[in-house]
N, C-alpha and C. Protein backbone atom coordinates (compact mmCIF):
# COMPACT_ATOMS: atom_id res chain seq x y z
N MET A 1 0.47 -1.03 -0.01
CA MET A 1 0.00 -0.02 0.21
C MET A 1 0.99 1.38 -0.16
N THR A 2 0.38 2.13 -0.51
CA THR A 2 1.30 3.26 -0.56
C THR A 2 1.37 4.26 0.72
N ALA A 3 1.90 5.22 0.43
CA ALA A 3 2.32 6.22 1.72
C ALA A 3 1.06 6.94 1.81
N THR A 4 0.26 7.31 0.77
CA THR A 4 -1.00 8.06 0.66
C THR A 4 -2.11 7.32 1.27
N ALA A 5 -2.33 5.86 0.89
CA ALA A 5 -3.14 4.92 1.42
C ALA A 5 -2.78 4.84 3.20
N ASN A 6 -1.53 4.91 3.62
CA ASN A 6 -1.20 5.05 5.10
C ASN A 6 -1.76 6.15 5.54
N LYS A 7 -1.47 7.15 4.95
CA LYS A 7 -2.06 8.45 5.38
C LYS A 7 -3.91 8.61 5.76
N ASP A 8 -4.37 7.94 4.42
CA ASP A 8 -5.68 7.89 4.47
C ASP A 8 -6.27 7.09 5.59
N LEU A 9 -5.64 5.78 5.86
CA LEU A 9 -6.03 4.90 6.82
C LEU A 9 -5.87 5.79 8.64
N LYS A 10 -4.96 6.35 8.62
CA LYS A 10 -4.43 7.01 9.84
C LYS A 10 -5.64 8.16 10.04
N ALA A 11 -5.85 9.05 8.94
CA ALA A 11 -7.12 9.83 9.09
C ALA A 11 -8.38 9.28 9.62
N THR A 12 -8.56 8.27 8.71
CA THR A 12 -9.91 7.18 8.96
C THR A 12 -9.78 6.96 10.40
N LEU A 13 -8.94 6.43 10.79
CA LEU A 13 -8.90 6.36 12.30
C LEU A 13 -9.12 7.62 13.45
N ARG A 14 -8.41 8.50 13.13
CA ARG A 14 -8.58 9.65 13.78
C ARG A 14 -9.85 10.24 13.82
N GLU A 15 -10.32 10.17 12.54
CA GLU A 15 -12.04 10.82 12.39
C GLU A 15 -12.97 10.05 13.19
N HIS A 16 -12.82 8.83 13.41
CA HIS A 16 -13.44 7.95 14.34
C HIS A 16 -12.93 7.66 16.00
N GLU A 17 -12.07 8.55 16.15
CA GLU A 17 -11.48 9.02 17.38
C GLU A 17 -10.92 7.47 17.78
N LEU A 18 -10.00 6.92 16.96
CA LEU A 18 -9.21 5.89 17.44
C LEU A 18 -7.86 6.31 17.21
N LYS A 19 -6.90 5.95 18.11
CA LYS A 19 -5.60 5.98 17.92
C LYS A 19 -5.06 5.13 16.45
N ALA A 20 -4.18 6.09 15.67
CA ALA A 20 -3.73 5.27 14.77
C ALA A 20 -2.56 4.61 14.79
N THR A 21 -2.77 3.32 15.40
CA THR A 21 -1.71 2.67 15.99
C THR A 21 -1.04 2.10 14.65
N SER A 22 0.35 1.33 14.78
CA SER A 22 0.69 0.43 13.37
C SER A 22 0.23 -0.83 13.11
N GLN A 23 -0.61 -1.37 14.39
CA GLN A 23 -1.36 -2.68 14.30
C GLN A 23 -2.77 -2.38 13.73
N ARG A 24 -3.49 -1.27 13.94
CA ARG A 24 -4.53 -0.98 13.43
C ARG A 24 -4.63 -0.54 12.01
N ILE A 25 -3.52 0.18 11.66
CA ILE A 25 -3.35 0.29 10.20
C ILE A 25 -3.03 -1.21 9.71
N ALA A 26 -2.22 -1.79 10.08
CA ALA A 26 -2.09 -3.14 9.44
C ALA A 26 -3.02 -4.06 9.36
N LEU A 27 -4.01 -3.91 10.43
CA LEU A 27 -5.20 -4.90 10.77
C LEU A 27 -6.23 -4.45 9.37
N LEU A 28 -6.47 -3.08 9.32
CA LEU A 28 -7.11 -2.54 8.08
C LEU A 28 -6.77 -2.64 6.43
N LYS A 29 -5.47 -2.78 6.49
CA LYS A 29 -4.94 -2.99 5.28
C LYS A 29 -4.78 -4.46 4.95
N LEU A 30 -4.97 -5.21 5.96
CA LEU A 30 -5.36 -6.79 5.53
C LEU A 30 -6.57 -6.74 5.17
N LEU A 31 -7.55 -6.45 6.09
CA LEU A 31 -8.80 -6.42 5.52
C LEU A 31 -9.31 -5.97 4.15
N ASP A 32 -8.80 -4.69 3.81
CA ASP A 32 -9.05 -4.10 2.64
C ASP A 32 -8.28 -4.64 1.32
N GLY A 33 -7.22 -5.57 1.79
CA GLY A 33 -6.79 -6.11 0.69
C GLY A 33 -7.06 -7.80 0.03
N THR A 34 -8.25 -8.15 0.60
CA THR A 34 -9.00 -9.53 0.65
C THR A 34 -10.43 -9.33 0.77
N HIS A 35 -10.88 -10.31 0.16
CA HIS A 35 -12.51 -10.58 0.04
C HIS A 35 -12.49 -11.90 1.05
N GLU A 36 -11.53 -12.10 1.48
CA GLU A 36 -11.49 -13.24 2.77
C GLU A 36 -12.28 -13.00 3.91
N HIS A 37 -13.08 -13.67 4.44
CA HIS A 37 -13.54 -13.41 5.83
C HIS A 37 -12.86 -13.97 6.96
N PHE A 38 -11.82 -13.43 7.66
CA PHE A 38 -11.05 -13.99 8.50
C PHE A 38 -11.62 -13.81 9.88
N ASP A 39 -11.11 -14.83 10.72
CA ASP A 39 -11.49 -14.76 12.40
C ASP A 39 -10.39 -14.36 12.89
N ALA A 40 -10.44 -13.84 14.20
CA ALA A 40 -9.62 -12.84 14.74
C ALA A 40 -8.33 -14.07 14.98
N GLU A 41 -8.52 -14.87 15.05
CA GLU A 41 -6.85 -15.78 15.17
C GLU A 41 -6.14 -15.82 13.82
N GLU A 42 -7.14 -16.08 12.68
CA GLU A 42 -6.42 -15.93 11.41
C GLU A 42 -5.82 -14.65 11.25
N ILE A 43 -6.73 -13.57 11.74
CA ILE A 43 -6.02 -12.34 11.50
C ILE A 43 -4.62 -12.12 12.24
N TYR A 44 -4.82 -12.53 13.58
CA TYR A 44 -3.34 -12.28 14.12
C TYR A 44 -2.47 -13.41 13.73
N LEU A 45 -2.55 -14.61 13.12
CA LEU A 45 -1.39 -15.35 12.52
C LEU A 45 -1.17 -14.70 11.04
N GLU A 46 -1.64 -13.79 10.35
CA GLU A 46 -1.59 -13.11 9.04
C GLU A 46 -0.76 -12.08 9.44
N LEU A 47 -1.30 -11.31 10.62
CA LEU A 47 -0.32 -10.11 10.95
C LEU A 47 1.22 -10.50 11.58
N LYS A 48 0.96 -11.37 12.39
CA LYS A 48 2.24 -11.89 12.85
C LYS A 48 3.41 -12.28 12.01
N LYS A 49 2.82 -12.80 10.80
CA LYS A 49 3.83 -12.86 9.42
C LYS A 49 4.15 -11.77 8.80
N ARG A 50 3.40 -10.93 9.03
CA ARG A 50 3.81 -9.40 8.15
C ARG A 50 4.68 -8.36 9.46
N GLN A 51 4.27 -8.55 10.50
CA GLN A 51 5.14 -7.70 11.43
C GLN A 51 4.99 -8.38 12.93
N LYS A 52 5.88 -8.18 13.54
CA LYS A 52 6.21 -9.11 14.54
C LYS A 52 5.80 -8.49 16.02
N ASN A 53 5.38 -7.39 15.85
CA ASN A 53 4.97 -6.76 17.45
C ASN A 53 3.32 -6.37 17.53
N VAL A 54 2.90 -7.80 17.39
CA VAL A 54 1.33 -7.72 17.24
C VAL A 54 0.96 -8.69 18.41
N SER A 55 0.09 -8.32 19.31
CA SER A 55 -0.27 -9.56 20.37
C SER A 55 -1.98 -10.02 19.74
N ARG A 56 -2.05 -11.34 20.40
CA ARG A 56 -3.65 -11.49 20.44
C ARG A 56 -4.30 -10.73 20.90
N ALA A 57 -4.36 -10.31 22.32
CA ALA A 57 -4.97 -9.29 22.89
C ALA A 57 -5.22 -7.92 22.15
N THR A 58 -4.19 -7.48 21.39
CA THR A 58 -4.30 -6.20 20.69
C THR A 58 -5.27 -6.49 19.39
N VAL A 59 -4.98 -7.77 18.49
CA VAL A 59 -5.89 -7.72 17.62
C VAL A 59 -7.43 -7.89 18.16
N TYR A 60 -7.35 -8.38 19.35
CA TYR A 60 -9.40 -8.81 19.72
C TYR A 60 -9.76 -7.38 20.13
N ARG A 61 -8.79 -6.32 20.67
CA ARG A 61 -9.15 -5.04 21.05
C ARG A 61 -9.34 -4.10 19.76
N SER A 62 -8.48 -4.42 19.11
CA SER A 62 -8.33 -3.54 17.85
C SER A 62 -9.80 -4.02 17.17
N LEU A 63 -9.97 -5.18 16.91
CA LEU A 63 -11.20 -5.32 16.29
C LEU A 63 -12.50 -5.02 16.84
N GLU A 64 -12.76 -5.15 18.16
CA GLU A 64 -13.97 -4.76 18.83
C GLU A 64 -13.73 -3.30 18.63
N ALA A 65 -12.79 -2.45 18.84
CA ALA A 65 -12.78 -1.02 18.67
C ALA A 65 -13.23 -0.47 16.93
N LEU A 66 -12.36 -1.34 16.24
CA LEU A 66 -13.15 -0.76 14.71
C LEU A 66 -14.60 -1.38 14.53
N VAL A 67 -15.11 -2.30 15.25
CA VAL A 67 -16.55 -2.86 14.77
C VAL A 67 -17.34 -1.81 15.48
N GLU A 68 -17.11 -1.13 16.43
CA GLU A 68 -17.84 -0.28 17.24
C GLU A 68 -18.04 1.04 16.64
N GLN A 69 -16.57 1.45 15.74
CA GLN A 69 -16.81 2.56 15.00
C GLN A 69 -17.19 2.50 13.63
N ASP A 70 -17.60 1.11 13.17
CA ASP A 70 -18.27 0.90 11.87
C ASP A 70 -17.48 0.81 10.92
N LEU A 71 -15.60 0.56 11.51
CA LEU A 71 -14.87 0.40 10.12
C LEU A 71 -14.71 -0.95 9.77
N VAL A 72 -15.00 -2.11 10.65
CA VAL A 72 -15.03 -3.33 10.30
C VAL A 72 -16.32 -3.71 10.62
N THR A 73 -16.76 -4.94 10.03
CA THR A 73 -18.08 -5.48 10.07
C THR A 73 -17.81 -7.07 11.07
N LYS A 74 -18.66 -7.64 11.49
CA LYS A 74 -18.65 -8.58 12.46
C LYS A 74 -19.78 -9.31 11.95
N LEU A 75 -19.21 -10.66 11.51
CA LEU A 75 -20.04 -11.73 10.67
C LEU A 75 -20.09 -12.88 11.87
N ASP A 76 -21.35 -13.57 11.59
CA ASP A 76 -21.52 -14.90 12.20
C ASP A 76 -22.01 -15.67 11.22
N PHE A 77 -21.12 -16.38 10.94
CA PHE A 77 -21.47 -17.40 9.76
C PHE A 77 -21.98 -19.01 10.46
N GLY A 78 -22.26 -18.95 11.59
CA GLY A 78 -22.81 -20.41 12.48
C GLY A 78 -21.89 -21.34 12.56
N GLU A 79 -20.57 -20.89 12.64
CA GLU A 79 -19.25 -21.88 13.05
C GLU A 79 -18.87 -21.84 14.50
N GLY A 80 -19.59 -21.19 15.30
CA GLY A 80 -19.07 -20.93 16.83
C GLY A 80 -18.11 -20.16 17.05
N ARG A 81 -17.27 -19.19 15.84
CA ARG A 81 -16.42 -18.33 15.72
C ARG A 81 -17.01 -17.07 14.69
N MET A 82 -16.42 -15.78 14.97
CA MET A 82 -16.89 -14.52 14.63
C MET A 82 -15.92 -14.39 13.44
N ARG A 83 -16.41 -13.99 12.16
CA ARG A 83 -15.44 -13.34 11.38
C ARG A 83 -15.84 -11.95 10.93
N TYR A 84 -14.57 -11.32 10.13
CA TYR A 84 -14.61 -9.89 10.26
C TYR A 84 -14.32 -9.66 8.49
N GLU A 85 -15.02 -8.57 8.01
CA GLU A 85 -14.76 -7.95 6.85
C GLU A 85 -14.68 -6.32 6.78
N ARG A 86 -13.92 -5.84 6.03
CA ARG A 86 -14.02 -4.15 6.34
C ARG A 86 -15.14 -4.02 5.91
N HIS A 87 -15.73 -2.72 6.78
CA HIS A 87 -17.13 -2.03 6.61
C HIS A 87 -17.05 -1.62 5.28
N GLN A 88 -18.08 -1.87 4.12
CA GLN A 88 -17.90 -1.21 2.79
C GLN A 88 -19.29 0.25 2.59
N GLY A 89 -19.70 0.26 3.89
CA GLY A 89 -20.59 1.49 3.67
C GLY A 89 -21.80 1.18 3.37
N ASP A 90 -22.84 2.19 3.58
CA ASP A 90 -23.94 1.55 3.19
C ASP A 90 -24.49 1.31 1.73
N ASP A 91 -23.65 2.25 0.84
CA ASP A 91 -23.58 2.17 -0.69
C ASP A 91 -22.87 0.96 -1.18
N GLU A 92 -22.42 -0.18 -0.59
CA GLU A 92 -21.64 -1.16 -0.98
C GLU A 92 -22.22 -2.62 -0.37
N HIS A 93 -23.39 -2.58 0.09
CA HIS A 93 -24.07 -3.44 0.51
C HIS A 93 -23.49 -5.05 -0.10
N HIS A 94 -23.49 -5.98 0.63
CA HIS A 94 -23.60 -7.18 -0.36
C HIS A 94 -24.07 -8.51 0.77
N ASP A 95 -24.46 -9.68 0.13
CA ASP A 95 -24.83 -10.77 1.06
C ASP A 95 -24.10 -11.96 0.78
N HIS A 96 -24.38 -12.96 1.71
CA HIS A 96 -23.35 -14.07 1.27
C HIS A 96 -23.90 -15.49 1.33
N LEU A 97 -23.26 -16.30 0.60
CA LEU A 97 -23.53 -17.80 0.45
C LEU A 97 -22.30 -18.36 1.12
N ILE A 98 -22.65 -19.10 1.92
CA ILE A 98 -21.74 -20.11 2.74
C ILE A 98 -21.81 -21.41 2.54
N CYS A 99 -20.81 -21.83 1.92
CA CYS A 99 -20.43 -23.82 2.19
C CYS A 99 -20.61 -24.27 3.12
N GLU A 100 -21.43 -24.96 3.82
CA GLU A 100 -21.19 -25.95 4.70
C GLU A 100 -20.36 -26.85 4.63
N GLN A 101 -19.63 -27.32 3.99
CA GLN A 101 -18.91 -28.21 3.66
C GLN A 101 -17.09 -27.60 3.80
N CYS A 102 -16.94 -26.81 2.93
CA CYS A 102 -15.38 -26.04 2.92
C CYS A 102 -15.53 -24.42 3.68
N GLY A 103 -16.41 -24.07 3.97
CA GLY A 103 -16.60 -22.66 4.60
C GLY A 103 -16.26 -21.45 3.67
N LYS A 104 -16.32 -22.14 2.16
CA LYS A 104 -16.10 -20.67 1.33
C LYS A 104 -17.40 -20.11 1.36
N VAL A 105 -16.88 -18.89 1.28
CA VAL A 105 -17.75 -17.71 1.20
C VAL A 105 -17.88 -16.72 0.12
N ILE A 106 -19.17 -16.60 -0.56
CA ILE A 106 -19.20 -16.05 -1.77
C ILE A 106 -20.01 -14.78 -1.76
N GLU A 107 -19.71 -13.49 -2.24
CA GLU A 107 -19.99 -12.28 -1.64
C GLU A 107 -21.05 -12.01 -3.12
N PHE A 108 -22.46 -11.61 -2.69
CA PHE A 108 -22.92 -11.44 -3.99
C PHE A 108 -23.88 -10.37 -3.75
N PHE A 109 -24.79 -9.47 -4.75
CA PHE A 109 -25.23 -8.57 -4.48
C PHE A 109 -26.32 -8.51 -5.53
N ASN A 110 -27.67 -8.58 -5.07
CA ASN A 110 -28.87 -8.50 -6.31
C ASN A 110 -29.93 -7.53 -6.05
N LEU A 111 -30.02 -6.79 -6.80
CA LEU A 111 -30.95 -5.50 -6.46
C LEU A 111 -32.35 -5.81 -6.66
N GLU A 112 -32.95 -6.86 -6.96
CA GLU A 112 -34.27 -7.61 -7.06
C GLU A 112 -34.47 -7.93 -5.70
N ILE A 113 -33.66 -8.67 -4.76
CA ILE A 113 -33.65 -8.97 -3.34
C ILE A 113 -33.84 -8.02 -2.80
N GLU A 114 -32.83 -7.13 -2.80
CA GLU A 114 -32.96 -5.91 -1.87
C GLU A 114 -34.46 -4.85 -2.04
N ALA A 115 -34.63 -4.89 -3.35
CA ALA A 115 -36.18 -4.21 -3.55
C ALA A 115 -36.99 -4.96 -2.77
N GLN A 116 -37.05 -6.05 -2.48
CA GLN A 116 -38.15 -6.78 -2.24
C GLN A 116 -37.99 -6.71 -0.71
N GLN A 117 -37.08 -6.68 -0.20
CA GLN A 117 -36.62 -6.74 1.28
C GLN A 117 -37.43 -5.11 1.71
N LEU A 118 -37.09 -4.35 1.19
CA LEU A 118 -37.52 -2.99 1.46
C LEU A 118 -38.89 -2.87 1.31
N ALA A 119 -39.73 -3.63 0.48
CA ALA A 119 -41.18 -3.62 -0.08
C ALA A 119 -41.83 -4.59 1.01
N ILE A 120 -41.03 -5.52 1.63
CA ILE A 120 -41.88 -5.87 2.88
C ILE A 120 -41.93 -5.15 4.01
N CYS A 121 -40.76 -4.71 3.92
CA CYS A 121 -40.77 -3.40 5.51
C CYS A 121 -41.67 -2.38 5.13
N GLU A 122 -41.86 -2.01 4.05
CA GLU A 122 -42.84 -1.19 4.05
C GLU A 122 -44.51 -1.60 4.02
N GLU A 123 -44.57 -2.87 3.60
CA GLU A 123 -45.72 -3.74 3.83
C GLU A 123 -45.94 -3.62 5.11
N HIS A 124 -45.21 -3.76 6.18
CA HIS A 124 -45.32 -3.94 7.38
C HIS A 124 -44.98 -2.68 8.56
N ASP A 125 -45.05 -1.52 7.33
CA ASP A 125 -44.90 -0.25 8.24
C ASP A 125 -43.47 -0.44 9.31
N PHE A 126 -42.71 -1.04 8.55
CA PHE A 126 -41.38 -1.29 9.43
C PHE A 126 -40.15 -0.32 8.71
N THR A 127 -39.31 0.27 9.61
CA THR A 127 -38.28 1.11 9.43
C THR A 127 -36.77 0.09 9.35
N PRO A 128 -36.34 -0.09 8.33
CA PRO A 128 -35.08 -0.79 8.64
C PRO A 128 -33.91 -0.04 8.87
N SER A 129 -32.91 -0.43 9.89
CA SER A 129 -31.81 -0.08 10.15
C SER A 129 -30.48 -0.65 9.42
N THR A 130 -30.77 -1.97 9.26
CA THR A 130 -29.29 -2.87 8.51
C THR A 130 -30.19 -4.13 8.52
N HIS A 131 -29.50 -4.78 7.89
CA HIS A 131 -29.88 -6.71 7.55
C HIS A 131 -28.53 -7.31 7.08
N THR A 132 -28.45 -8.53 6.93
CA THR A 132 -27.23 -9.07 6.75
C THR A 132 -28.28 -10.38 6.24
N MET A 133 -27.80 -11.07 4.96
CA MET A 133 -28.61 -12.04 4.48
C MET A 133 -27.56 -13.24 4.24
N HIS A 134 -27.40 -14.33 4.83
CA HIS A 134 -26.35 -15.70 4.88
C HIS A 134 -27.06 -16.84 4.32
N ILE A 135 -26.94 -17.13 3.13
CA ILE A 135 -27.70 -18.22 2.57
C ILE A 135 -26.35 -19.67 2.70
N PHE A 136 -26.80 -20.53 3.56
CA PHE A 136 -26.23 -21.53 3.75
C PHE A 136 -26.35 -23.04 2.79
N GLY A 137 -25.43 -23.59 2.42
CA GLY A 137 -25.72 -24.63 1.69
C GLY A 137 -24.28 -25.33 1.10
N THR A 138 -24.48 -25.74 0.00
CA THR A 138 -23.25 -26.51 -0.74
C THR A 138 -22.52 -25.74 -1.92
N CYS A 139 -21.44 -25.46 -1.93
CA CYS A 139 -20.70 -24.95 -3.35
C CYS A 139 -20.71 -25.98 -4.44
N SER A 140 -20.59 -25.51 -5.76
CA SER A 140 -20.28 -26.39 -6.74
C SER A 140 -19.08 -27.46 -6.72
N GLU A 141 -18.28 -27.26 -6.13
CA GLU A 141 -17.38 -27.87 -5.97
C GLU A 141 -17.22 -28.87 -5.17
N CYS A 142 -17.75 -29.08 -3.65
CA CYS A 142 -18.32 -29.70 -2.64
C CYS A 142 -19.05 -30.76 -3.49
N GLU A 143 -20.06 -30.08 -4.25
CA GLU A 143 -20.86 -30.73 -4.45
C GLU A 143 -20.77 -31.93 -5.43
N GLN A 144 -19.98 -31.38 -6.32
CA GLN A 144 -19.18 -32.35 -7.23
C GLN A 144 -18.54 -33.68 -6.47
N LYS A 145 -17.82 -32.80 -5.37
CA LYS A 145 -17.04 -34.25 -4.78
C LYS A 145 -17.91 -35.22 -3.82
N ILE A 146 -19.29 -34.51 -3.28
CA ILE A 146 -20.25 -35.53 -2.52
C ILE A 146 -20.54 -36.24 -3.80
N ASN A 147 -21.55 -35.75 -4.86
CA ASN A 147 -22.27 -36.34 -5.85
C ASN A 147 -21.56 -36.22 -7.08
N PRO A 148 -20.75 -36.93 -7.42
CA PRO A 148 -20.02 -36.56 -8.83
C PRO A 148 -21.28 -36.87 -10.09
N LYS A 149 -21.81 -37.85 -9.93
CA LYS A 149 -23.00 -38.43 -10.83
C LYS A 149 -23.63 -37.22 -11.20
N LEU A 150 -24.41 -36.50 -10.34
CA LEU A 150 -25.45 -35.59 -10.49
C LEU A 150 -24.90 -34.44 -11.31
N ILE A 151 -23.52 -33.99 -10.85
CA ILE A 151 -22.91 -32.80 -11.79
C ILE A 151 -22.80 -33.53 -13.18
N ASP A 152 -22.29 -34.80 -13.31
CA ASP A 152 -22.58 -35.26 -14.92
C ASP A 152 -23.56 -35.35 -15.47
N VAL A 153 -24.76 -35.39 -14.97
CA VAL A 153 -26.28 -35.69 -15.69
C VAL A 153 -26.47 -34.46 -16.01
N GLN A 154 -26.51 -33.07 -14.98
CA GLN A 154 -26.51 -31.87 -15.39
C GLN A 154 -26.27 -31.57 -16.49
N LEU A 155 -24.77 -31.83 -16.78
CA LEU A 155 -23.88 -31.21 -17.93
C LEU A 155 -24.48 -31.86 -19.11
C-alpha cells in the first residue's frame, strides 16, 4: 500500500476517534486487501507473519474498537467463531453464500432481493436500520465431490 493509503487510513482512524497505531493500520490493510472473511485468530496469525510486534489481545481489542466505529463488520456464519470484513458502507452492501462443507464464502448483491426486502418492510410499516443475509448450502465444488454423478447428468 502506498504512503497516501497509509495517510488515508490514519485519517480514517482519527476521524473515528481511534489512535492510529501501526497494528490497527496493518489490520485495516489486511482486510482492505482481501475478500476473505478472517476470524480473529487468522487475522492475528497473518499479521504476525507481516509484522512481529502484535499480540492476540491487541488484535481482539482492535477488532472490537473497529467494529464499534463501523470500520469493520463482525459476521456470524454459524461456525462458533466470528469473522470480520472491512465495512463497505451503506452504498456497497452485499450478502453471503456460505458452503457448509468447506467454509467458502461467496459475496453477492442482487437488486431484486434488496427491493423485495424494502417492499416487505413497507408492507409491515417497518423502518429497517440494517440487515444481513447469509444463505447456507453447498458450493458447486463440494457438491461435485459429494455427488459426482449428479453434476455429470446436469452437464
